[in-house]
Amino acid sequence: MKKNEFNEMRKKPMPELEHELEKVSARVRALKADIAMGKVKSLKELYGAQKSAAQLMTVLEERSSGQ
């Protein structure tokens, strides 16, 4: 995720961010299963999805702590 996309994400409402996190988390689980079964050869997509999930969790945590 690029820096400008990350800044745009900070402007989104909380429910939309939570929904996005659910989608990304489901994608991470699916990719991990595909890797375990040998369907996916490249880990790059998994690492990108994990990074997106971490960024979403960071924004949600910032909001919940009141920053």
Protein backbone atom coordinates (compact mmCIF):
# COMPACT_ATOMS: atom_id res chain seq x y z
CA MET A 1 0.00 0.00 0.00
CA LYS A 2 1.38 3.36 -0.96
CA LYS A 3 1.73 6.23 1.45
CA ASN A 4 -1.08 8.28 -0.13
CA GLU A 5 -3.40 5.24 0.03
CA PHE A 6 -2.49 4.83 3.69
CA ASN A 7 -3.34 8.49 4.36
CA GLU A 8 -6.67 8.07 2.55
CA MET A 9 -7.38 5.01 4.69
CA ARG A 10 -7.01 7.14 7.82
CA LYS A 11 -9.92 9.29 6.61
CA LYS A 12 -12.36 6.38 6.20
CA PRO A 13 -15.04 5.72 8.83
CA MET A 14 -14.42 3.06 11.47
CA PRO A 15 -17.02 0.49 10.21
CA GLU A 16 -15.57 0.63 6.71
CA LEU A 17 -12.08 -0.02 8.07
CA GLU A 18 -13.32 -2.96 10.13
CA HIS A 19 -15.02 -4.44 7.06
CA GLU A 20 -11.84 -3.98 5.02
CA LEU A 21 -9.81 -5.70 7.75
CA GLU A 22 -12.18 -8.68 7.68
CA LYS A 23 -11.74 -8.99 3.91
CA VAL A 24 -7.95 -8.74 4.09
CA SER A 25 -7.78 -11.23 6.97
CA ALA A 26 -9.86 -13.71 4.98
CA ARG A 27 -7.53 -13.22 2.02
CA VAL A 28 -4.50 -13.92 4.25
CA ARG A 29 -6.08 -17.14 5.54
CA ALA A 30 -6.91 -18.25 2.00
CA LEU A 31 -3.39 -17.54 0.78
CA LYS A 32 -1.86 -19.45 3.69
CA ALA A 33 -4.06 -22.44 2.89
CA ASP A 34 -3.16 -22.24 -0.79
CA ILE A 35 0.54 -22.11 0.05
CA ALA A 36 0.20 -25.12 2.33
CA MET A 37 -1.49 -27.06 -0.48
CA GLY A 38 1.10 -25.96 -3.01
CA LYS A 39 -1.26 -23.92 -5.18
CA VAL A 40 0.68 -20.66 -4.77
CA LYS A 41 4.36 -20.50 -5.59
CA SER A 42 5.06 -16.86 -4.77
CA LEU A 43 4.85 -15.53 -1.23
CA LYS A 44 4.83 -11.92 -2.41
CA GLU A 45 1.03 -11.69 -2.45
CA LEU A 46 0.81 -13.12 1.08
CA TYR A 47 3.34 -10.61 2.40
CA GLY A 48 1.43 -7.74 0.78
CA ALA A 49 -1.85 -8.88 2.29
CA GLN A 50 -0.24 -9.24 5.73
CA LYS A 51 1.19 -5.74 5.46
CA SER A 52 -2.22 -4.31 4.52
CA ALA A 53 -3.80 -6.07 7.49
CA ALA A 54 -1.16 -4.67 9.82
CA GLN A 55 -1.70 -1.15 8.51
CA LEU A 56 -5.45 -1.45 8.97
CA MET A 57 -4.99 -2.71 12.52
CA THR A 58 -2.66 0.21 13.23
CA VAL A 59 -5.23 2.76 12.06
CA LEU A 60 -7.99 1.06 14.07
CA GLU A 61 -5.81 0.98 17.18
CA GLU A 62 -4.93 4.67 16.79
CA ARG A 63 -8.59 5.54 16.55
CA SER A 64 -9.62 3.42 19.53
CA SER A 65 -6.91 4.92 21.72
CA GLY A 66 -8.13 8.41 20.85
CA GLN A 67 -5.33 9.79 18.73
